[in-house]
Amino acid sequence: MQLNSSQKTTLVFLGAFLTAGIVLSTMVFPFWNLIREDVFEEVTILNNDEGICYVETKDDIPKIIEDCVFNPDDVVTIKYGEGLAWATIVSP
């Protein structure tokens, strides 16, 4: 079966369109899932192990805070990305 010029052009355009759709759906859209929403929460320091503090948050994922100068039972406000295991202290 022979294809004429316009049919070949249509096939090339359709192939390029499908390829672009696959690339967008697998590479670009999942990229936005990597940008997490920041969550602010007031928590109590559970432990300070030589500058690394551990806290428990509402999402039930223990958070690690590096360069921490607070003592156990101190209440601080932290910021963390949803679903992540590390946080930063925003204010004491």
PDB file of N, CA and C in Angstrom:
ATOM      1  N   MET A   1       0.835  -1.168   0.000  1.00  0.00           N
ATOM      2  CA  MET A   1       0.000   0.000   0.000  1.00  0.00           C
ATOM      3  C   MET A   1       0.888   1.242   0.000  1.00  0.00           C
ATOM      4  N   GLN A   2       0.637   2.108  -0.909  1.00  0.00           N
ATOM      5  CA  GLN A   2       1.405   3.343  -1.035  1.00  0.00           C
ATOM      6  C   GLN A   2       0.665   4.492  -0.354  1.00  0.00           C
ATOM      7  N   LEU A   3       1.421   5.318   0.370  1.00  0.00           N
ATOM      8  CA  LEU A   3       0.851   6.508   0.998  1.00  0.00           C
ATOM      9  C   LEU A   3       1.265   7.732   0.193  1.00  0.00           C
ATOM     10  N   ASN A   4       0.326   8.635  -0.012  1.00  0.00           N
ATOM     11  CA  ASN A   4       0.698   9.851  -0.724  1.00  0.00           C
ATOM     12  C   ASN A   4       1.308  10.852   0.258  1.00  0.00           C
ATOM     13  N   SER A   5       1.719  11.969  -0.238  1.00  0.00           N
ATOM     14  CA  SER A   5       2.447  12.964   0.552  1.00  0.00           C
ATOM     15  C   SER A   5       1.625  13.490   1.727  1.00  0.00           C
ATOM     16  N   SER A   6       0.365  13.780   1.535  1.00  0.00           N
ATOM     17  CA  SER A   6      -0.447  14.327   2.628  1.00  0.00           C
ATOM     18  C   SER A   6      -0.708  13.272   3.704  1.00  0.00           C
ATOM     19  N   GLN A   7      -0.827  12.012   3.335  1.00  0.00           N
ATOM     20  CA  GLN A   7      -1.006  10.954   4.327  1.00  0.00           C
ATOM     21  C   GLN A   7       0.258  10.765   5.154  1.00  0.00           C
ATOM     22  N   LYS A   8       1.427  10.859   4.501  1.00  0.00           N
ATOM     23  CA  LYS A   8       2.693  10.757   5.233  1.00  0.00           C
ATOM     24  C   LYS A   8       2.846  11.923   6.201  1.00  0.00           C
ATOM     25  N   THR A   9       2.470  13.125   5.758  1.00  0.00           N
ATOM     26  CA  THR A   9       2.548  14.303   6.622  1.00  0.00           C
ATOM     27  C   THR A   9       1.610  14.153   7.815  1.00  0.00           C
ATOM     28  N   THR A  10       0.425  13.634   7.572  1.00  0.00           N
ATOM     29  CA  THR A  10      -0.535  13.411   8.648  1.00  0.00           C
ATOM     30  C   THR A  10      -0.001  12.393   9.652  1.00  0.00           C
ATOM     31  N   LEU A  11       0.598  11.317   9.171  1.00  0.00           N
ATOM     32  CA  LEU A  11       1.182  10.305  10.064  1.00  0.00           C
ATOM     33  C   LEU A  11       2.322  10.883  10.903  1.00  0.00           C
ATOM     34  N   VAL A  12       3.177  11.679  10.295  1.00  0.00           N
ATOM     35  CA  VAL A  12       4.289  12.296  11.021  1.00  0.00           C
ATOM     36  C   VAL A  12       3.745  13.241  12.099  1.00  0.00           C
ATOM     37  N   PHE A  13       2.752  14.061  11.731  1.00  0.00           N
ATOM     38  CA  PHE A  13       2.148  14.988  12.693  1.00  0.00           C
ATOM     39  C   PHE A  13       1.493  14.224  13.839  1.00  0.00           C
ATOM     40  N   LEU A  14       0.764  13.171  13.544  1.00  0.00           N
ATOM     41  CA  LEU A  14       0.110  12.373  14.569  1.00  0.00           C
ATOM     42  C   LEU A  14       1.136  11.708  15.486  1.00  0.00           C
ATOM     43  N   GLY A  15       2.221  11.184  14.908  1.00  0.00           N
ATOM     44  CA  GLY A  15       3.290  10.579  15.712  1.00  0.00           C
ATOM     45  C   GLY A  15       3.961  11.592  16.626  1.00  0.00           C
ATOM     46  N   ALA A  16       4.223  12.796  16.092  1.00  0.00           N
ATOM     47  CA  ALA A  16       4.840  13.846  16.913  1.00  0.00           C
ATOM     48  C   ALA A  16       3.896  14.275  18.025  1.00  0.00           C
ATOM     49  N   PHE A  17       2.607  14.372  17.719  1.00  0.00           N
ATOM     50  CA  PHE A  17       1.611  14.756  18.723  1.00  0.00           C
ATOM     51  C   PHE A  17       1.526  13.712  19.837  1.00  0.00           C
ATOM     52  N   LEU A  18       1.520  12.435  19.495  1.00  0.00           N
ATOM     53  CA  LEU A  18       1.481  11.365  20.498  1.00  0.00           C
ATOM     54  C   LEU A  18       2.763  11.341  21.334  1.00  0.00           C
ATOM     55  N   THR A  19       3.900  11.530  20.689  1.00  0.00           N
ATOM     56  CA  THR A  19       5.177  11.560  21.415  1.00  0.00           C
ATOM     57  C   THR A  19       5.202  12.722  22.400  1.00  0.00           C
ATOM     58  N   ALA A  20       4.748  13.887  21.976  1.00  0.00           N
ATOM     59  CA  ALA A  20       4.705  15.045  22.875  1.00  0.00           C
ATOM     60  C   ALA A  20       3.753  14.781  24.041  1.00  0.00           C
ATOM     61  N   GLY A  21       2.636  14.139  23.785  1.00  0.00           N
ATOM     62  CA  GLY A  21       1.696  13.801  24.859  1.00  0.00           C
ATOM     63  C   GLY A  21       2.294  12.848  25.868  1.00  0.00           C
ATOM     64  N   ILE A  22       3.028  11.848  25.393  1.00  0.00           N
ATOM     65  CA  ILE A  22       3.668  10.893  26.301  1.00  0.00           C
ATOM     66  C   ILE A  22       4.750  11.584  27.124  1.00  0.00           C
ATOM     67  N   VAL A  23       5.562  12.418  26.486  1.00  0.00           N
ATOM     68  CA  VAL A  23       6.618  13.138  27.216  1.00  0.00           C
ATOM     69  C   VAL A  23       6.009  14.050  28.274  1.00  0.00           C
ATOM     70  N   LEU A  24       4.970  14.788  27.926  1.00  0.00           N
ATOM     71  CA  LEU A  24       4.328  15.689  28.897  1.00  0.00           C
ATOM     72  C   LEU A  24       3.713  14.922  30.057  1.00  0.00           C
ATOM     73  N   SER A  25       3.078  13.806  29.774  1.00  0.00           N
ATOM     74  CA  SER A  25       2.404  13.072  30.839  1.00  0.00           C
ATOM     75  C   SER A  25       3.364  12.346  31.761  1.00  0.00           C
ATOM     76  N   THR A  26       4.547  11.997  31.295  1.00  0.00           N
ATOM     77  CA  THR A  26       5.483  11.264  32.144  1.00  0.00           C
ATOM     78  C   THR A  26       6.573  12.127  32.769  1.00  0.00           C
ATOM     79  N   MET A  27       6.901  13.261  32.172  1.00  0.00           N
ATOM     80  CA  MET A  27       8.003  14.066  32.681  1.00  0.00           C
ATOM     81  C   MET A  27       7.563  15.391  33.278  1.00  0.00           C
ATOM     82  N   VAL A  28       6.685  16.097  32.648  1.00  0.00           N
ATOM     83  CA  VAL A  28       6.348  17.442  33.078  1.00  0.00           C
ATOM     84  C   VAL A  28       5.337  17.429  34.217  1.00  0.00           C
ATOM     85  N   PHE A  29       4.227  16.734  34.069  1.00  0.00           N
ATOM     86  CA  PHE A  29       3.183  16.773  35.078  1.00  0.00           C
ATOM     87  C   PHE A  29       3.626  16.158  36.412  1.00  0.00           C
ATOM     88  N   PRO A  30       4.349  15.042  36.452  1.00  0.00           N
ATOM     89  CA  PRO A  30       4.828  14.547  37.745  1.00  0.00           C
ATOM     90  C   PRO A  30       5.815  15.500  38.424  1.00  0.00           C
ATOM     91  N   PHE A  31       6.467  16.381  37.659  1.00  0.00           N
ATOM     92  CA  PHE A  31       7.374  17.363  38.261  1.00  0.00           C
ATOM     93  C   PHE A  31       6.637  18.220  39.272  1.00  0.00           C
ATOM     94  N   TRP A  32       5.392  18.595  38.985  1.00  0.00           N
ATOM     95  CA  TRP A  32       4.631  19.447  39.899  1.00  0.00           C
ATOM     96  C   TRP A  32       4.329  18.733  41.201  1.00  0.00           C
ATOM     97  N   ASN A  33       4.329  17.397  41.188  1.00  0.00           N
ATOM     98  CA  ASN A  33       4.123  16.650  42.424  1.00  0.00           C
ATOM     99  C   ASN A  33       5.325  16.748  43.356  1.00  0.00           C
ATOM    100  N   LEU A  34       6.480  17.138  42.821  1.00  0.00           N
ATOM    101  CA  LEU A  34       7.679  17.280  43.646  1.00  0.00           C
ATOM    102  C   LEU A  34       7.662  18.558  44.471  1.00  0.00           C
ATOM    103  N   ILE A  35       6.878  19.525  44.063  1.00  0.00           N
ATOM    104  CA  ILE A  35       6.775  20.779  44.794  1.00  0.00           C
ATOM    105  C   ILE A  35       5.695  20.594  45.859  1.00  0.00           C
ATOM    106  N   ARG A  36       6.129  20.468  47.083  1.00  0.00           N
ATOM    107  CA  ARG A  36       5.207  20.163  48.169  1.00  0.00           C
ATOM    108  C   ARG A  36       4.738  21.426  48.864  1.00  0.00           C
ATOM    109  N   GLU A  37       3.555  21.334  49.401  1.00  0.00           N
ATOM    110  CA  GLU A  37       2.998  22.455  50.152  1.00  0.00           C
ATOM    111  C   GLU A  37       3.658  22.505  51.528  1.00  0.00           C
ATOM    112  N   ASP A  38       4.026  23.706  51.980  1.00  0.00           N
ATOM    113  CA  ASP A  38       4.616  23.862  53.303  1.00  0.00           C
ATOM    114  C   ASP A  38       3.537  23.789  54.368  1.00  0.00           C
ATOM    115  N   VAL A  39       3.851  23.058  55.433  1.00  0.00           N
ATOM    116  CA  VAL A  39       2.939  22.922  56.566  1.00  0.00           C
ATOM    117  C   VAL A  39       3.625  23.545  57.772  1.00  0.00           C
ATOM    118  N   PHE A  40       2.902  24.388  58.498  1.00  0.00           N
ATOM    119  CA  PHE A  40       3.404  24.993  59.725  1.00  0.00           C
ATOM    120  C   PHE A  40       2.660  24.364  60.891  1.00  0.00           C
ATOM    121  N   GLU A  41       3.419  23.973  61.924  1.00  0.00           N
ATOM    122  CA  GLU A  41       2.790  23.297  63.054  1.00  0.00           C
ATOM    123  C   GLU A  41       3.561  23.594  64.336  1.00  0.00           C
ATOM    124  N   GLU A  42       2.837  23.749  65.408  1.00  0.00           N
ATOM    125  CA  GLU A  42       3.453  23.941  66.721  1.00  0.00           C
ATOM    126  C   GLU A  42       3.626  22.562  67.350  1.00  0.00           C
ATOM    127  N   VAL A  43       4.872  22.244  67.712  1.00  0.00           N
ATOM    128  CA  VAL A  43       5.193  20.909  68.226  1.00  0.00           C
ATOM    129  C   VAL A  43       6.067  21.011  69.470  1.00  0.00           C
ATOM    130  N   THR A  44       6.188  19.892  70.156  1.00  0.00           N
ATOM    131  CA  THR A  44       7.054  19.789  71.324  1.00  0.00           C
ATOM    132  C   THR A  44       8.289  18.975  70.939  1.00  0.00           C
ATOM    133  N   ILE A  45       9.455  19.489  71.305  1.00  0.00           N
ATOM    134  CA  ILE A  45      10.707  18.765  71.042  1.00  0.00           C
ATOM    135  C   ILE A  45      10.712  17.502  71.907  1.00  0.00           C
ATOM    136  N   LEU A  46      10.884  16.346  71.275  1.00  0.00           N
ATOM    137  CA  LEU A  46      10.910  15.087  72.019  1.00  0.00           C
ATOM    138  C   LEU A  46      12.309  14.750  72.515  1.00  0.00           C
ATOM    139  N   ASN A  47      13.312  15.034  71.660  1.00  0.00           N
ATOM    140  CA  ASN A  47      14.677  14.661  72.007  1.00  0.00           C
ATOM    141  C   ASN A  47      15.641  15.569  71.255  1.00  0.00           C
ATOM    142  N   ASN A  48      16.769  15.897  71.899  1.00  0.00           N
ATOM    143  CA  ASN A  48      17.836  16.640  71.240  1.00  0.00           C
ATOM    144  C   ASN A  48      19.101  15.802  71.366  1.00  0.00           C
ATOM    145  N   ASP A  49      19.521  15.232  70.239  1.00  0.00           N
ATOM    146  CA  ASP A  49      20.683  14.359  70.211  1.00  0.00           C
ATOM    147  C   ASP A  49      21.844  15.088  69.545  1.00  0.00           C
ATOM    148  N   GLU A  50      22.591  15.859  70.341  1.00  0.00           N
ATOM    149  CA  GLU A  50      23.761  16.603  69.868  1.00  0.00           C
ATOM    150  C   GLU A  50      23.426  17.509  68.686  1.00  0.00           C
ATOM    151  N   GLY A  51      22.361  18.290  68.807  1.00  0.00           N
ATOM    152  CA  GLY A  51      21.998  19.251  67.781  1.00  0.00           C
ATOM    153  C   GLY A  51      20.985  18.761  66.765  1.00  0.00           C
ATOM    154  N   ILE A  52      20.567  17.529  66.887  1.00  0.00           N
ATOM    155  CA  ILE A  52      19.522  16.995  66.001  1.00  0.00           C
ATOM    156  C   ILE A  52      18.295  16.703  66.851  1.00  0.00           C
ATOM    157  N   CYS A  53      17.225  17.459  66.585  1.00  0.00           N
ATOM    158  CA  CYS A  53      15.996  17.305  67.369  1.00  0.00           C
ATOM    159  C   CYS A  53      15.009  16.420  66.625  1.00  0.00           C
ATOM    160  N   TYR A  54      14.170  15.773  67.409  1.00  0.00           N
ATOM    161  CA  TYR A  54      13.127  14.920  66.877  1.00  0.00           C
ATOM    162  C   TYR A  54      11.792  15.400  67.410  1.00  0.00           C
ATOM    163  N   VAL A  55      10.811  15.482  66.529  1.00  0.00           N
ATOM    164  CA  VAL A  55       9.466  15.901  66.921  1.00  0.00           C
ATOM    165  C   VAL A  55       8.445  14.978  66.259  1.00  0.00           C
ATOM    166  N   GLU A  56       7.253  14.944  66.824  1.00  0.00           N
ATOM    167  CA  GLU A  56       6.140  14.186  66.262  1.00  0.00           C
ATOM    168  C   GLU A  56       5.121  15.184  65.728  1.00  0.00           C
ATOM    169  N   THR A  57       4.603  14.939  64.524  1.00  0.00           N
ATOM    170  CA  THR A  57       3.669  15.869  63.896  1.00  0.00           C
ATOM    171  C   THR A  57       2.323  15.194  63.640  1.00  0.00           C
ATOM    172  N   LYS A  58       1.357  15.994  63.174  1.00  0.00           N
ATOM    173  CA  LYS A  58       0.005  15.497  62.930  1.00  0.00           C
ATOM    174  C   LYS A  58      -0.056  14.445  61.829  1.00  0.00           C
ATOM    175  N   ASP A  59       0.905  14.462  60.907  1.00  0.00           N
ATOM    176  CA  ASP A  59       0.875  13.488  59.813  1.00  0.00           C
ATOM    177  C   ASP A  59       1.495  12.148  60.202  1.00  0.00           C
ATOM    178  N   ASP A  60       1.858  11.993  61.476  1.00  0.00           N
ATOM    179  CA  ASP A  60       2.424  10.748  62.024  1.00  0.00           C
ATOM    180  C   ASP A  60       3.750  10.347  61.394  1.00  0.00           C
ATOM    181  N   ILE A  61       4.458  11.309  60.810  1.00  0.00           N
ATOM    182  CA  ILE A  61       5.808  11.065  60.299  1.00  0.00           C
ATOM    183  C   ILE A  61       6.758  11.825  61.204  1.00  0.00           C
ATOM    184  N   PRO A  62       7.599  11.126  61.983  1.00  0.00           N
ATOM    185  CA  PRO A  62       8.547  11.836  62.860  1.00  0.00           C
ATOM    186  C   PRO A  62       9.456  12.736  62.033  1.00  0.00           C
ATOM    187  N   LYS A  63       9.670  13.933  62.517  1.00  0.00           N
ATOM    188  CA  LYS A  63      10.495  14.909  61.801  1.00  0.00           C
ATOM    189  C   LYS A  63      11.850  15.053  62.470  1.00  0.00           C
ATOM    190  N   ILE A  64      12.861  15.265  61.647  1.00  0.00           N
ATOM    191  CA  ILE A  64      14.231  15.501  62.099  1.00  0.00           C
ATOM    192  C   ILE A  64      14.548  16.968  61.853  1.00  0.00           C
ATOM    193  N   ILE A  65      15.086  17.629  62.852  1.00  0.00           N
ATOM    194  CA  ILE A  65      15.471  19.035  62.734  1.00  0.00           C
ATOM    195  C   ILE A  65      16.965  19.128  63.042  1.00  0.00           C
ATOM    196  N   GLU A  66      17.747  19.559  62.065  1.00  0.00           N
ATOM    197  CA  GLU A  66      19.191  19.695  62.261  1.00  0.00           C
ATOM    198  C   GLU A  66      19.526  21.069  62.822  1.00  0.00           C
ATOM    199  N   ASP A  67      20.691  21.194  63.447  1.00  0.00           N
ATOM    200  CA  ASP A  67      21.168  22.442  64.058  1.00  0.00           C
ATOM    201  C   ASP A  67      20.165  22.985  65.075  1.00  0.00           C
ATOM    202  N   CYS A  68      19.664  22.111  65.894  1.00  0.00           N
ATOM    203  CA  CYS A  68      18.640  22.469  66.869  1.00  0.00           C
ATOM    204  C   CYS A  68      19.305  22.820  68.206  1.00  0.00           C
ATOM    205  N   VAL A  69      18.887  23.921  68.792  1.00  0.00           N
ATOM    206  CA  VAL A  69      19.459  24.376  70.069  1.00  0.00           C
ATOM    207  C   VAL A  69      18.443  24.291  71.209  1.00  0.00           C
ATOM    208  N   PHE A  70      17.303  23.688  70.957  1.00  0.00           N
ATOM    209  CA  PHE A  70      16.252  23.613  71.968  1.00  0.00           C
ATOM    210  C   PHE A  70      16.351  22.325  72.763  1.00  0.00           C
ATOM    211  N   ASN A  71      15.741  22.341  73.928  1.00  0.00           N
ATOM    212  CA  ASN A  71      15.768  21.197  74.838  1.00  0.00           C
ATOM    213  C   ASN A  71      14.471  20.402  74.719  1.00  0.00           C
ATOM    214  N   PRO A  72      14.505  19.143  75.160  1.00  0.00           N
ATOM    215  CA  PRO A  72      13.266  18.363  75.178  1.00  0.00           C
ATOM    216  C   PRO A  72      12.183  19.096  75.969  1.00  0.00           C
ATOM    217  N   ASP A  73      10.941  18.960  75.530  1.00  0.00           N
ATOM    218  CA  ASP A  73       9.750  19.591  76.105  1.00  0.00           C
ATOM    219  C   ASP A  73       9.608  21.063  75.753  1.00  0.00           C
ATOM    220  N   ASP A  74      10.534  21.658  74.987  1.00  0.00           N
ATOM    221  CA  ASP A  74      10.344  23.019  74.487  1.00  0.00           C
ATOM    222  C   ASP A  74       9.313  22.975  73.354  1.00  0.00           C
ATOM    223  N   VAL A  75       8.471  24.003  73.291  1.00  0.00           N
ATOM    224  CA  VAL A  75       7.467  24.095  72.237  1.00  0.00           C
ATOM    225  C   VAL A  75       7.952  25.083  71.180  1.00  0.00           C
ATOM    226  N   VAL A  76       7.975  24.637  69.920  1.00  0.00           N
ATOM    227  CA  VAL A  76       8.441  25.467  68.813  1.00  0.00           C
ATOM    228  C   VAL A  76       7.469  25.327  67.642  1.00  0.00           C
ATOM    229  N   THR A  77       7.536  26.280  66.710  1.00  0.00           N
ATOM    230  CA  THR A  77       6.782  26.188  65.470  1.00  0.00           C
ATOM    231  C   THR A  77       7.745  25.749  64.378  1.00  0.00           C
ATOM    232  N   ILE A  78       7.343  24.702  63.641  1.00  0.00           N
ATOM    233  CA  ILE A  78       8.202  24.171  62.580  1.00  0.00           C
ATOM    234  C   ILE A  78       7.508  24.305  61.229  1.00  0.00           C
ATOM    235  N   LYS A  79       8.325  24.202  60.187  1.00  0.00           N
ATOM    236  CA  LYS A  79       7.836  24.198  58.805  1.00  0.00           C
ATOM    237  C   LYS A  79       8.390  22.954  58.140  1.00  0.00           C
ATOM    238  N   TYR A  80       7.505  22.213  57.461  1.00  0.00           N
ATOM    239  CA  TYR A  80       7.954  21.022  56.743  1.00  0.00           C
ATOM    240  C   TYR A  80       7.107  20.808  55.502  1.00  0.00           C
ATOM    241  N   GLY A  81       7.666  20.102  54.557  1.00  0.00           N
ATOM    242  CA  GLY A  81       6.932  19.748  53.352  1.00  0.00           C
ATOM    243  C   GLY A  81       6.044  18.555  53.628  1.00  0.00           C
ATOM    244  N   GLU A  82       4.865  18.570  53.079  1.00  0.00           N
ATOM    245  CA  GLU A  82       3.902  17.504  53.317  1.00  0.00           C
ATOM    246  C   GLU A  82       4.500  16.152  52.943  1.00  0.00           C
ATOM    247  N   GLY A  83       4.507  15.234  53.900  1.00  0.00           N
ATOM    248  CA  GLY A  83       5.010  13.889  53.657  1.00  0.00           C
ATOM    249  C   GLY A  83       6.511  13.721  53.811  1.00  0.00           C
ATOM    250  N   LEU A  84       7.226  14.776  54.168  1.00  0.00           N
ATOM    251  CA  LEU A  84       8.682  14.683  54.314  1.00  0.00           C
ATOM    252  C   LEU A  84       9.069  14.404  55.761  1.00  0.00           C
ATOM    253  N   ALA A  85      10.284  13.907  55.964  1.00  0.00           N
ATOM    254  CA  ALA A  85      10.732  13.513  57.292  1.00  0.00           C
ATOM    255  C   ALA A  85      11.664  14.533  57.937  1.00  0.00           C
ATOM    256  N   TRP A  86      11.853  15.695  57.347  1.00  0.00           N
ATOM    257  CA  TRP A  86      12.695  16.712  57.970  1.00  0.00           C
ATOM    258  C   TRP A  86      11.947  18.030  58.029  1.00  0.00           C
ATOM    259  N   ALA A  87      12.379  18.882  58.943  1.00  0.00           N
ATOM    260  CA  ALA A  87      11.682  20.150  59.146  1.00  0.00           C
ATOM    261  C   ALA A  87      12.693  21.203  59.555  1.00  0.00           C
ATOM    262  N   THR A  88      12.230  22.449  59.575  1.00  0.00           N
ATOM    263  CA  THR A  88      13.032  23.559  60.081  1.00  0.00           C
ATOM    264  C   THR A  88      12.215  24.314  61.112  1.00  0.00           C
ATOM    265  N   ILE A  89      12.912  24.907  62.060  1.00  0.00           N
ATOM    266  CA  ILE A  89      12.246  25.670  63.108  1.00  0.00           C
ATOM    267  C   ILE A  89      12.005  27.086  62.607  1.00  0.00           C
ATOM    268  N   VAL A  90      10.764  27.523  62.708  1.00  0.00           N
ATOM    269  CA  VAL A  90      10.394  28.857  62.265  1.00  0.00           C
ATOM    270  C   VAL A  90      10.512  29.846  63.424  1.00  0.00           C
ATOM    271  N   SER A  91       9.964  29.458  64.572  1.00  0.00           N
ATOM    272  CA  SER A  91      10.051  30.327  65.745  1.00  0.00           C
ATOM    273  C   SER A  91       9.929  29.498  67.012  1.00  0.00           C
ATOM    274  N   PRO A  92      10.583  29.949  68.077  1.00  0.00           N
ATOM    275  CA  PRO A  92      10.500  29.223  69.354  1.00  0.00           C
ATOM    276  C   PRO A  92       9.157  29.419  70.029  1.00  0.00           C
TER     277      PRO A  92
END
